[in-house]
């Protein structure tokens, strides 16, 4: 579909507002795919046969709501999807990014056609155009973050260029009306630019889509609190500095050369704001009352603010353990069934007398009943079809995890997913979790995984009455022992949705035992980890 859109050319000449408004009014918004094609053709027409500068600008402003609606509808097909994206997900992603970049290019084109009449009106018009260029380029960057895709070459340089133009022409802080702001607030070029720098500094590939949305929403409110300044000679620098000549966001100060193209951020007012919000959350003031939103809990907001403060107020991405170079091949398994098999070294069977088979297992037993050896135990997973391992190249590692690369075809991976990993320098599988991942331009996956503390033991678990009958089948689970050196208590790793405070389970290791769940330690896309006591 992206190739099709690339070939679309404007076949109509839009010379006045009325004809342009009529085309936009006829967009089939109920069919986002067709609407994207038509609004793409509309933008192409403006680029190839531009109308008068003032008409051009008003038509572009009129497209804003439709563009955002179409982009959000199409994004449902690829946001929160496991990686790598398949063709059904990749096509709408490329389509949406192409629309954002084309909108930025149209505004840039429109700037060249504006009358140079001087005065405040011209400055306001130029500020609005550059704000939109920054906004739509930022939307393309944000779309890559949401889809966990590597940014294309040059996108940051384009963004820096738009901001540098706003600085050069003295309109970087000229207020700009924003029709997309639900509260009717104005913005300016510096605020829009700073919000993108801070969003990138927040390690967006580690954040869930929900947390990404919250972060971007909060930044719309808080970015005016952050100021951007040139780097002066002999000035003490913060941890991270911006170089307008580099195709990236904020980087450590020793990576950036001092000069006219270097900038530093002052986040002191933002730090005060975040600290105040955290204090109010601790005093049980609701997130809605604090303007943080009605779709998040106090605990969730507090933890996210704590994480963002660590990055924004020190202007660096936090790292608990230093990385060091490593090389080799790590073998990885995903899914409870495969992980349980590789940790236990054998197929999963119902413990004791609870030999309950799934429908698939029963059908397989029935179909191949004449070829089964009656002297052997009925273990339908003896061959373990589908429990193969994916090979990942180890790029580097730390005391808590690994940075891995997979260039070959393999199973899809999801942020927060549980997995088992057999390190390049070991022979046993550890439990681990995906904490960030990016799909590179060529299709390879780069992922960061963190090992869960302790050597895992594969067990079976089931809930006890009154929540279910005592004859309920066991499910796969894992026990992680206490690691006193790092203050980690013993925990149970359970399927997602199993945890409830004080819930009693029967866990079968060498023999059955009853345990009571205590607190939820952490969890992810397909699991929960909880502390427990034996009862």
Protein backbone atom coordinates (compact mmCIF):
# COMPACT_ATOMS: atom_id res chain seq x y z
CA UNK A 1 0.00 0.00 0.00
CA UNK A 2 2.89 2.37 0.71
CA UNK A 3 4.19 1.79 -2.81
CA UNK A 4 0.76 2.62 -4.17
CA UNK A 5 0.61 5.85 -2.19
CA UNK A 6 4.05 6.82 -3.41
CA UNK A 7 2.78 6.76 -7.00
CA UNK A 8 -0.26 8.91 -6.32
CA UNK A 9 0.01 12.33 -7.93
CA UNK A 10 -2.29 15.28 -7.73
CA UNK A 11 -4.70 15.22 -10.65
CA UNK A 12 -6.69 18.26 -9.53
CA UNK A 13 -5.84 21.88 -9.06
CA UNK A 14 -7.14 23.34 -5.81
CA UNK A 15 -7.13 27.08 -6.20
CA UNK A 16 -9.62 28.26 -3.58
CA UNK A 17 -10.83 27.42 -0.12
CA UNK A 18 -14.30 26.29 -1.14
CA UNK A 19 -13.13 23.55 -3.50
CA UNK A 20 -10.56 22.36 -0.97
CA UNK A 21 -13.07 22.28 1.87
CA UNK A 22 -15.51 20.30 -0.29
CA UNK A 23 -12.87 17.63 -0.96
CA UNK A 24 -12.04 17.36 2.75
CA UNK A 25 -15.72 17.20 3.69
CA UNK A 26 -16.15 14.17 1.41
CA UNK A 27 -13.37 12.12 3.02
CA UNK A 28 -14.75 8.62 3.84
CA UNK A 29 -13.60 8.64 7.48
CA UNK A 30 -15.58 5.47 8.17
CA UNK A 31 -13.12 3.72 5.84
CA UNK A 32 -9.71 4.75 7.16
CA UNK A 33 -7.83 2.96 4.40
CA UNK A 34 -9.65 4.81 1.62
CA UNK A 35 -9.58 8.08 3.56
CA UNK A 36 -5.79 7.79 3.83
CA UNK A 37 -5.49 7.34 0.07
CA UNK A 38 -7.71 10.36 -0.62
CA UNK A 39 -6.08 12.72 1.87
CA UNK A 40 -2.70 11.63 0.55
CA UNK A 41 -3.82 12.60 -2.96
CA UNK A 42 -5.10 15.92 -1.54
CA UNK A 43 -1.68 16.70 -0.07
CA UNK A 44 0.00 15.67 -3.32
CA UNK A 45 -2.20 18.12 -5.21
CA UNK A 46 -1.18 20.95 -2.88
CA UNK A 47 2.50 20.07 -3.26
CA UNK A 48 2.42 19.82 -7.06
CA UNK A 49 0.03 22.66 -7.88
CA UNK A 50 0.06 24.93 -4.82
CA UNK A 51 -2.62 27.58 -4.40
CA UNK A 52 -2.04 31.05 -2.99
CA UNK A 53 0.01 30.98 0.22
CA UNK A 54 -2.83 32.03 2.52
CA UNK A 55 -5.25 29.52 0.96
CA UNK A 56 -2.57 26.82 1.17
CA UNK A 57 -2.10 27.42 4.90
CA UNK A 58 -5.82 27.41 5.68
CA UNK A 59 -6.33 24.16 3.75
CA UNK A 60 -3.47 22.50 5.62
CA UNK A 61 -4.93 23.66 8.92
CA UNK A 62 -8.27 22.17 7.89
CA UNK A 63 -6.68 18.74 7.36
CA UNK A 64 -5.32 18.44 10.91
CA UNK A 65 -8.27 16.78 12.63
CA UNK A 66 -8.89 14.40 9.74
CA UNK A 67 -5.21 13.43 9.56
CA UNK A 68 -5.06 12.63 13.27
CA UNK A 69 -8.27 10.61 13.12
CA UNK A 70 -7.10 8.60 10.10
CA UNK A 71 -3.67 8.01 11.63
CA UNK A 72 -5.12 6.80 14.92
CA UNK A 73 -7.55 4.44 13.19
CA UNK A 74 -4.83 2.89 11.03
CA UNK A 75 -2.45 2.61 14.00
CA UNK A 76 -4.76 0.05 15.64
CA UNK A 77 -3.41 -2.47 13.14
CA UNK A 78 0.20 -2.30 14.30
CA UNK A 79 0.38 -0.71 17.77
CA UNK A 80 0.90 -3.21 20.60
CA UNK A 81 1.66 -6.03 18.16
CA UNK A 82 4.50 -8.52 18.69
CA UNK A 83 7.65 -8.07 16.61
CA UNK A 84 8.63 -8.42 13.89
CA UNK A 85 5.66 -6.80 12.19
CA UNK A 86 4.17 -8.81 9.36
CA UNK A 87 2.97 -7.32 6.09
CA UNK A 88 -0.60 -6.68 7.41
CA UNK A 89 0.88 -4.54 10.21
CA UNK A 90 3.88 -3.03 8.39
CA UNK A 91 1.83 -1.64 5.48
CA UNK A 92 -0.44 0.66 7.55
CA UNK A 93 2.55 1.70 9.69
CA UNK A 94 4.45 2.89 6.62
CA UNK A 95 1.28 4.53 5.34
CA UNK A 96 0.76 6.56 8.52
CA UNK A 97 4.41 7.63 8.75
CA UNK A 98 4.32 8.70 5.10
CA UNK A 99 1.25 10.85 5.83
CA UNK A 100 2.93 12.59 8.80
CA UNK A 101 6.09 13.34 6.84
CA UNK A 102 4.14 14.52 3.82
CA UNK A 103 2.13 16.91 6.01
CA UNK A 104 5.39 18.33 7.40
CA UNK A 105 6.74 18.71 3.88
CA UNK A 106 3.55 20.48 2.77
CA UNK A 107 3.82 23.03 5.59
CA UNK A 108 7.50 23.57 4.73
CA UNK A 109 6.48 24.13 1.11
CA UNK A 110 3.74 26.50 2.24
CA UNK A 111 6.31 28.61 4.12
CA UNK A 112 8.08 29.39 0.85
CA UNK A 113 4.86 30.83 -0.61
CA UNK A 114 4.00 33.19 2.24
CA UNK A 115 4.07 36.92 1.52
CA UNK A 116 7.03 38.72 3.09
CA UNK A 117 5.02 41.66 4.41
CA UNK A 118 6.84 41.93 7.75
CA UNK A 119 5.17 42.80 11.03
CA UNK A 120 3.74 40.68 13.80
CA UNK A 121 1.24 38.93 11.55
CA UNK A 122 3.99 37.50 9.36
CA UNK A 123 5.93 36.35 12.44
CA UNK A 124 2.87 34.63 13.87
CA UNK A 125 2.19 32.93 10.55
CA UNK A 126 5.78 31.73 10.28
CA UNK A 127 5.73 30.49 13.88
CA UNK A 128 2.55 28.51 13.16
CA UNK A 129 4.03 26.90 10.04
CA UNK A 130 7.27 25.89 11.77
CA UNK A 131 5.32 24.59 14.78
CA UNK A 132 3.34 22.32 12.44
CA UNK A 133 6.54 21.13 10.75
CA UNK A 134 7.95 20.20 14.17
CA UNK A 135 4.63 18.66 15.22
CA UNK A 136 4.24 16.36 12.20
CA UNK A 137 7.89 15.32 12.16
CA UNK A 138 7.45 14.53 15.85
CA UNK A 139 4.36 12.48 15.06
CA UNK A 140 6.46 10.36 12.67
CA UNK A 141 9.06 9.87 15.42
CA UNK A 142 6.35 9.00 17.95
CA UNK A 143 4.81 6.49 15.54
CA UNK A 144 8.14 4.68 15.33
CA UNK A 145 8.26 4.57 19.12
CA UNK A 146 4.73 3.16 19.38
CA UNK A 147 5.40 0.50 16.74
CA UNK A 148 8.91 -0.14 18.17
CA UNK A 149 10.59 0.53 14.84
CA UNK A 150 14.04 1.98 14.24
CA UNK A 151 13.98 5.63 13.20
CA UNK A 152 14.88 6.35 9.56
CA UNK A 153 18.06 8.22 8.71
CA UNK A 154 17.66 12.00 8.66
CA UNK A 155 14.44 12.40 10.63
CA UNK A 156 16.18 14.05 13.60
CA UNK A 157 18.14 16.35 11.29
CA UNK A 158 14.86 17.51 9.74
CA UNK A 159 13.47 18.20 13.20
CA UNK A 160 16.61 20.12 14.26
CA UNK A 161 16.43 22.13 11.04
CA UNK A 162 12.85 23.24 11.68
CA UNK A 163 13.71 24.34 15.23
CA UNK A 164 16.92 26.08 14.12
CA UNK A 165 14.86 28.02 11.57
CA UNK A 166 12.46 29.12 14.31
CA UNK A 167 15.43 30.32 16.38
CA UNK A 168 17.03 32.08 13.44
CA UNK A 169 13.85 33.96 12.54
CA UNK A 170 13.08 34.84 16.16
CA UNK A 171 9.76 32.97 16.39
CA UNK A 172 10.76 30.04 18.62
CA UNK A 173 8.58 31.19 21.51
CA UNK A 174 5.84 33.03 19.63
CA UNK A 175 2.48 31.61 20.87
CA UNK A 176 0.68 29.37 18.40
CA UNK A 177 -2.97 28.30 18.61
CA UNK A 178 -3.44 24.53 18.59
CA UNK A 179 -6.83 23.28 17.42
CA UNK A 180 -5.94 19.72 18.51
CA UNK A 181 -5.49 20.66 22.16
CA UNK A 182 -8.62 19.58 24.02
CA UNK A 183 -8.15 22.37 26.59
CA UNK A 184 -7.62 25.08 23.99
CA UNK A 185 -4.07 25.86 25.14
CA UNK A 186 -1.54 27.55 22.90
CA UNK A 187 1.97 26.25 22.30
CA UNK A 188 5.17 27.39 20.58
CA UNK A 189 8.00 25.87 18.57
CA UNK A 190 10.36 25.45 21.51
CA UNK A 191 7.74 23.65 23.61
CA UNK A 192 6.87 21.28 20.77
CA UNK A 193 10.56 20.58 20.14
CA UNK A 194 11.41 20.07 23.82
CA UNK A 195 8.54 17.61 24.26
CA UNK A 196 10.06 15.42 21.54
CA UNK A 197 13.53 15.60 23.08
CA UNK A 198 12.19 14.58 26.49
CA UNK A 199 10.01 11.82 25.01
CA UNK A 200 13.13 10.37 23.40
CA UNK A 201 15.09 10.71 26.65
CA UNK A 202 12.36 8.72 28.46
CA UNK A 203 13.61 5.50 26.77
CA UNK A 204 10.40 5.12 24.73
CA UNK A 205 11.19 1.59 23.55
CA UNK A 206 11.01 0.41 27.17
CA UNK A 207 7.58 1.98 27.81
CA UNK A 208 4.25 0.30 27.22
CA UNK A 209 1.93 1.93 24.69
CA UNK A 210 -0.21 3.13 27.59
CA UNK A 211 2.77 4.76 29.33
CA UNK A 212 3.92 6.28 26.06
CA UNK A 213 0.50 7.89 25.67
CA UNK A 214 0.57 9.24 29.22
CA UNK A 215 4.10 10.59 28.77
CA UNK A 216 3.24 12.39 25.54
CA UNK A 217 0.06 13.82 27.07
CA UNK A 218 1.87 15.12 30.15
CA UNK A 219 4.63 16.63 28.02
CA UNK A 220 2.05 18.73 26.15
CA UNK A 221 1.37 20.40 29.50
CA UNK A 222 4.87 20.48 30.98
CA UNK A 223 7.17 21.20 28.03
CA UNK A 224 6.74 25.01 28.39
CA UNK A 225 8.44 24.64 31.80
CA UNK A 226 11.68 23.58 30.08
CA UNK A 227 13.97 26.15 28.50
CA UNK A 228 16.58 25.58 25.80
CA UNK A 229 19.86 27.53 25.81
CA UNK A 230 23.02 27.75 23.70
CA UNK A 231 26.10 26.11 25.21
CA UNK A 232 28.55 28.84 26.22
CA UNK A 233 32.30 28.43 26.36
CA UNK A 234 33.71 27.22 29.71
CA UNK A 235 30.17 26.49 30.94
CA UNK A 236 29.56 23.43 33.09
CA UNK A 237 27.40 21.02 31.11
CA UNK A 238 24.62 18.70 32.18
CA UNK A 239 24.83 14.97 31.57
CA UNK A 240 23.20 15.30 28.12
CA UNK A 241 23.54 17.96 25.44
CA UNK A 242 21.88 18.51 22.07
CA UNK A 243 23.91 18.87 18.86
CA UNK A 244 21.80 20.26 16.02
CA UNK A 245 24.20 18.77 13.46
CA UNK A 246 23.71 15.19 14.63
CA UNK A 247 20.95 12.84 13.52
CA UNK A 248 19.85 12.02 17.08
CA UNK A 249 18.31 13.55 20.18
CA UNK A 250 20.09 14.40 23.42
CA UNK A 251 23.45 12.67 23.91
CA UNK A 252 26.10 12.65 26.61
CA UNK A 253 28.12 15.84 26.75
CA UNK A 254 31.38 14.17 25.68
CA UNK A 255 29.71 13.03 22.42
CA UNK A 256 28.79 16.59 21.41
CA UNK A 257 31.17 19.31 20.29
CA UNK A 258 30.86 22.73 21.85
CA UNK A 259 29.83 25.45 19.43
CA UNK A 260 26.98 27.40 17.95
CA UNK A 261 25.03 24.22 17.21
CA UNK A 262 25.01 22.87 20.76
CA UNK A 263 22.09 23.37 23.13
CA UNK A 264 21.40 22.47 26.75
CA UNK A 265 18.09 21.97 28.52
CA UNK A 266 17.14 23.54 31.83
CA UNK A 267 14.62 21.20 33.50
CA UNK A 268 14.73 22.72 37.00
CA UNK A 269 11.14 24.03 36.81
CA UNK A 270 9.97 20.67 35.46
CA UNK A 271 11.69 18.91 38.39
CA UNK A 272 9.83 21.14 40.84
CA UNK A 273 6.53 20.35 39.12
CA UNK A 274 7.09 16.58 39.16
CA UNK A 275 8.21 16.58 42.80
CA UNK A 276 5.11 18.50 43.78
CA UNK A 277 2.86 16.08 41.89
CA UNK A 278 4.51 13.08 43.55
CA UNK A 279 4.01 14.61 46.99
CA UNK A 280 0.33 15.21 46.24
CA UNK A 281 -0.10 11.65 45.00
CA UNK A 282 1.42 10.38 48.24
CA UNK A 283 -1.21 12.45 50.07
CA UNK A 284 -3.91 10.53 48.15
CA UNK A 285 -4.94 13.32 45.80
CA UNK A 286 -6.35 11.62 42.72
CA UNK A 287 -4.59 11.84 39.33
CA UNK A 288 -7.73 13.42 37.83
CA UNK A 289 -7.58 16.28 40.35
CA UNK A 290 -3.92 16.85 39.48
CA UNK A 291 -4.57 16.97 35.75
CA UNK A 292 -2.79 13.67 35.11
CA UNK A 293 -5.87 12.01 33.66
CA UNK A 294 -8.79 9.86 34.71
CA UNK A 295 -7.48 6.71 33.00
CA UNK A 296 -4.64 5.92 35.42
CA UNK A 297 -4.34 5.01 39.09
CA UNK A 298 -2.38 6.92 41.70
CA UNK A 299 0.14 4.09 42.11
CA UNK A 300 0.73 3.79 38.39
CA UNK A 301 1.15 7.55 37.95
CA UNK A 302 3.57 7.73 40.88
CA UNK A 303 5.82 4.98 39.51
CA UNK A 304 5.83 6.47 36.01
CA UNK A 305 6.58 9.97 37.35
CA UNK A 306 9.42 8.56 39.44
CA UNK A 307 10.88 6.91 36.36
CA UNK A 308 10.51 10.02 34.20
CA UNK A 309 12.00 12.28 36.87
CA UNK A 310 15.10 10.11 36.98
CA UNK A 311 15.64 10.60 33.26
CA UNK A 312 14.43 14.16 32.72
CA UNK A 313 15.81 15.87 35.78
CA UNK A 314 19.28 14.34 35.50
CA UNK A 315 19.06 14.47 31.67
CA UNK A 316 20.33 10.93 31.25
CA UNK A 317 18.91 7.46 30.72
CA UNK A 318 19.27 5.58 33.99
CA UNK A 319 21.31 2.36 34.08
CA UNK A 320 21.55 0.32 37.25
CA UNK A 321 24.40 -1.92 36.08
CA UNK A 322 27.16 -1.04 33.58
CA UNK A 323 27.31 -2.97 30.33
CA UNK A 324 30.37 -4.76 29.02
CA UNK A 325 31.05 -6.31 25.64
CA UNK A 326 30.16 -9.95 25.10
CA UNK A 327 29.79 -12.19 22.10
CA UNK A 328 28.24 -15.56 21.40
CA UNK A 329 24.86 -17.13 20.75
CA UNK A 330 22.12 -17.26 23.38
CA UNK A 331 19.21 -19.68 22.95
CA UNK A 332 15.76 -18.43 23.81
CA UNK A 333 12.35 -20.04 24.36
CA UNK A 334 9.01 -18.22 24.63
CA UNK A 335 5.63 -19.33 25.90
CA UNK A 336 4.93 -21.08 29.21
CA UNK A 337 4.87 -24.56 27.63
CA UNK A 338 8.24 -24.23 25.87
CA UNK A 339 9.89 -22.47 28.82
CA UNK A 340 8.67 -25.15 31.24
CA UNK A 341 9.99 -27.89 28.98
CA UNK A 342 13.47 -26.41 28.63
CA UNK A 343 13.85 -25.61 32.33
CA UNK A 344 12.55 -28.99 33.51
CA UNK A 345 14.16 -30.98 30.69
CA UNK A 346 11.02 -33.04 30.14
CA UNK A 347 7.45 -32.83 28.99
CA UNK A 348 4.75 -31.58 31.32
CA UNK A 349 2.40 -34.21 32.76
CA UNK A 350 -0.25 -33.91 35.40
CA UNK A 351 1.32 -34.79 38.79
CA UNK A 352 0.20 -37.79 40.83
CA UNK A 353 -3.17 -39.19 39.91
CA UNK A 354 -4.33 -36.02 38.14
CA UNK A 355 -3.58 -37.23 34.63
CA UNK A 356 -5.87 -34.87 32.77
CA UNK A 357 -5.17 -34.29 29.10
CA UNK A 358 -6.16 -31.42 26.92
CA UNK A 359 -8.41 -32.04 23.94
CA UNK A 360 -5.45 -31.73 21.58
CA UNK A 361 -3.50 -34.29 23.63
CA UNK A 362 -6.45 -36.69 23.73
CA UNK A 363 -7.02 -36.45 19.97
CA UNK A 364 -3.35 -37.15 19.34
CA UNK A 365 -3.42 -40.13 21.66
CA UNK A 366 -6.51 -41.51 19.93
CA UNK A 367 -5.14 -40.97 16.41
CA UNK A 368 -1.83 -42.70 17.13
CA UNK A 369 -3.08 -45.25 19.70
CA UNK A 370 -1.97 -48.25 17.60
CA UNK A 371 1.62 -47.02 17.32
CA UNK A 372 2.15 -46.13 20.99
CA UNK A 373 4.36 -48.35 23.10
CA UNK A 374 2.12 -49.66 25.92
CA UNK A 375 5.17 -50.20 28.13
CA UNK A 376 5.96 -46.47 28.18
CA UNK A 377 4.24 -43.69 30.09
CA UNK A 378 1.68 -41.72 28.06
CA UNK A 379 3.62 -38.52 27.66
CA UNK A 380 2.18 -36.82 24.60
CA UNK A 381 4.88 -34.12 24.63
CA UNK A 382 7.73 -36.62 24.54
CA UNK A 383 8.89 -35.33 21.14
CA UNK A 384 8.13 -31.73 22.13
CA UNK A 385 7.16 -30.49 18.70
CA UNK A 386 7.05 -26.70 18.54
CA UNK A 387 9.36 -26.18 21.53
CA UNK A 388 12.38 -25.21 19.47
CA UNK A 389 14.80 -22.48 20.47
CA UNK A 390 15.58 -19.21 18.68
CA UNK A 391 19.22 -18.18 18.39
CA UNK A 392 20.09 -14.61 19.36
CA UNK A 393 23.48 -12.96 19.05
CA UNK A 394 24.74 -11.45 22.30
CA UNK A 395 25.87 -7.84 21.72
CA UNK A 396 26.70 -6.98 25.32
CA UNK A 397 25.62 -7.85 28.82
CA UNK A 398 25.41 -6.50 32.35
CA UNK A 399 24.99 -8.04 35.76
CA UNK A 400 21.23 -8.22 35.23
CA UNK A 401 20.67 -8.91 31.56
CA UNK A 402 21.65 -8.95 27.91
CA UNK A 403 21.34 -6.90 24.73
CA UNK A 404 20.55 -9.32 21.93
CA UNK A 405 20.23 -9.29 18.14
CA UNK A 406 18.25 -11.70 15.97
CA UNK A 407 18.81 -11.40 12.23
CA UNK A 408 17.16 -14.66 11.21
CA UNK A 409 13.49 -15.62 11.11
CA UNK A 410 12.10 -16.60 14.48
CA UNK A 411 9.13 -16.41 16.79
CA UNK A 412 7.44 -13.10 17.45
CA UNK A 413 8.36 -11.31 20.65
CA UNK A 414 6.28 -8.96 22.80
CA UNK A 415 7.37 -6.26 25.24
CA UNK A 416 7.21 -7.57 28.81
CA UNK A 417 7.00 -11.19 27.68
CA UNK A 418 8.37 -14.04 29.81
CA UNK A 419 11.09 -16.15 28.24
CA UNK A 420 13.84 -18.55 29.11
CA UNK A 421 17.38 -17.88 27.99
CA UNK A 422 20.39 -20.15 27.91
CA UNK A 423 23.31 -17.71 27.89
CA UNK A 424 26.21 -18.01 25.49
CA UNK A 425 28.49 -18.93 28.37
CA UNK A 426 26.16 -21.37 30.17
CA UNK A 427 24.22 -24.61 29.78
CA UNK A 428 21.12 -23.97 31.87
CA UNK A 429 18.05 -21.88 31.16
CA UNK A 430 17.21 -18.80 33.21
CA UNK A 431 13.88 -17.01 33.40
CA UNK A 432 14.00 -13.56 31.87
CA UNK A 433 11.74 -10.77 30.63
CA UNK A 434 11.84 -8.54 27.55
CA UNK A 435 12.26 -4.96 28.80
CA UNK A 436 12.74 -3.20 25.44
CA UNK A 437 12.93 -4.07 21.77
CA UNK A 438 13.32 -2.39 18.39
CA UNK A 439 12.83 -3.68 14.87
CA UNK A 440 15.62 -2.37 12.67
CA UNK A 441 15.16 -1.04 9.15
CA UNK A 442 16.36 -4.31 7.65
CA UNK A 443 13.94 -6.41 9.72
CA UNK A 444 16.36 -7.59 12.43
CA UNK A 445 15.27 -7.43 16.07
CA UNK A 446 17.33 -5.90 18.87
CA UNK A 447 16.04 -6.61 22.38
CA UNK A 448 17.03 -6.01 25.96
CA UNK A 449 16.21 -8.80 28.38
CA UNK A 450 16.62 -8.82 32.14
CA UNK A 451 17.10 -12.08 34.05
CA UNK A 452 14.75 -12.78 36.95
CA UNK A 453 16.72 -13.43 40.17
CA UNK A 454 17.45 -17.00 41.17
CA UNK A 455 17.71 -20.36 39.42
CA UNK A 456 14.19 -21.30 38.33
CA UNK A 457 12.51 -24.59 39.14
CA UNK A 458 9.69 -25.86 36.94
CA UNK A 459 6.64 -26.88 38.99
CA UNK A 460 2.91 -27.37 38.59
CA UNK A 461 0.23 -25.26 40.29
CA UNK A 462 -3.54 -25.13 40.61
CA UNK A 463 -6.04 -23.09 42.63
CA UNK A 464 -7.83 -24.77 45.51
CA UNK A 465 -11.46 -24.71 46.62
CA UNK A 466 -13.65 -22.74 47.01
CA UNK A 467 -12.36 -21.03 43.88
CA UNK A 468 -12.33 -24.26 41.92
CA UNK A 469 -12.83 -27.97 42.41
CA UNK A 470 -9.96 -29.93 43.87
CA UNK A 471 -9.79 -32.04 40.72
CA UNK A 472 -8.90 -29.05 38.53
CA UNK A 473 -5.87 -29.73 36.35
CA UNK A 474 -2.46 -28.36 37.19
CA UNK A 475 -0.89 -25.63 35.10
CA UNK A 476 2.78 -24.88 34.47
CA UNK A 477 4.48 -22.54 36.95
CA UNK A 478 7.96 -21.76 38.28
CA UNK A 479 9.54 -21.18 41.67
CA UNK A 480 12.38 -18.68 42.01
CA UNK A 481 14.35 -19.09 45.26
CA UNK A 482 15.29 -16.22 47.53
CA UNK A 483 18.55 -14.44 46.67
CA UNK A 484 19.64 -12.80 49.90
CA UNK A 485 22.63 -11.02 48.34
CA UNK A 486 20.29 -8.69 46.44
CA UNK A 487 17.34 -8.82 48.85
CA UNK A 488 15.13 -10.89 46.55
CA UNK A 489 12.54 -13.08 48.26
CA UNK A 490 11.29 -16.42 46.96
CA UNK A 491 8.55 -16.00 44.37
CA UNK A 492 6.15 -17.93 42.19
CA UNK A 493 5.92 -17.19 38.47
CA UNK A 494 2.34 -17.79 37.38
CA UNK A 495 0.22 -17.32 34.24
CA UNK A 496 -1.26 -13.86 33.83
CA UNK A 497 -4.42 -13.33 35.87
CA UNK A 498 -3.65 -15.87 38.61
CA UNK A 499 -2.53 -13.46 41.29
CA UNK A 500 -4.91 -12.36 44.02
CA UNK A 501 -3.82 -11.38 47.54
CA UNK A 502 -4.11 -14.27 50.03
CA UNK A 503 -5.06 -16.70 47.28
CA UNK A 504 -4.28 -20.32 48.18
CA UNK A 505 -2.69 -22.55 45.55
CA UNK A 506 -1.50 -26.12 45.50
CA UNK A 507 2.01 -26.32 44.12
CA UNK A 508 3.52 -29.64 43.11
CA UNK A 509 7.30 -29.92 43.03
CA UNK A 510 8.48 -33.26 44.44
CA UNK A 511 5.28 -33.43 46.48
CA UNK A 512 2.17 -31.29 46.79
CA UNK A 513 2.22 -28.28 49.10
CA UNK A 514 -0.16 -25.45 49.81
CA UNK A 515 1.00 -21.88 49.46
CA UNK A 516 -0.63 -18.52 50.07
CA UNK A 517 0.19 -15.65 47.74
CA UNK A 518 1.39 -12.48 49.43
CA UNK A 519 2.31 -9.49 47.27
CA UNK A 520 2.72 -9.05 43.53
CA UNK A 521 6.39 -8.43 42.86
CA UNK A 522 6.14 -7.71 39.14
CA UNK A 523 4.69 -9.08 35.93
CA UNK A 524 4.50 -8.70 32.20
CA UNK A 525 2.56 -9.44 29.07
CA UNK A 526 1.91 -13.10 29.90
CA UNK A 527 2.93 -13.69 33.53
CA UNK A 528 2.80 -12.49 37.12
CA UNK A 529 5.40 -12.95 39.85
CA UNK A 530 4.27 -13.05 43.45
CA UNK A 531 5.81 -13.71 46.84
CA UNK A 532 4.30 -16.55 48.87
CA UNK A 533 4.38 -18.48 52.14
CA UNK A 534 3.81 -22.18 52.70
CA UNK A 535 0.66 -22.94 54.71
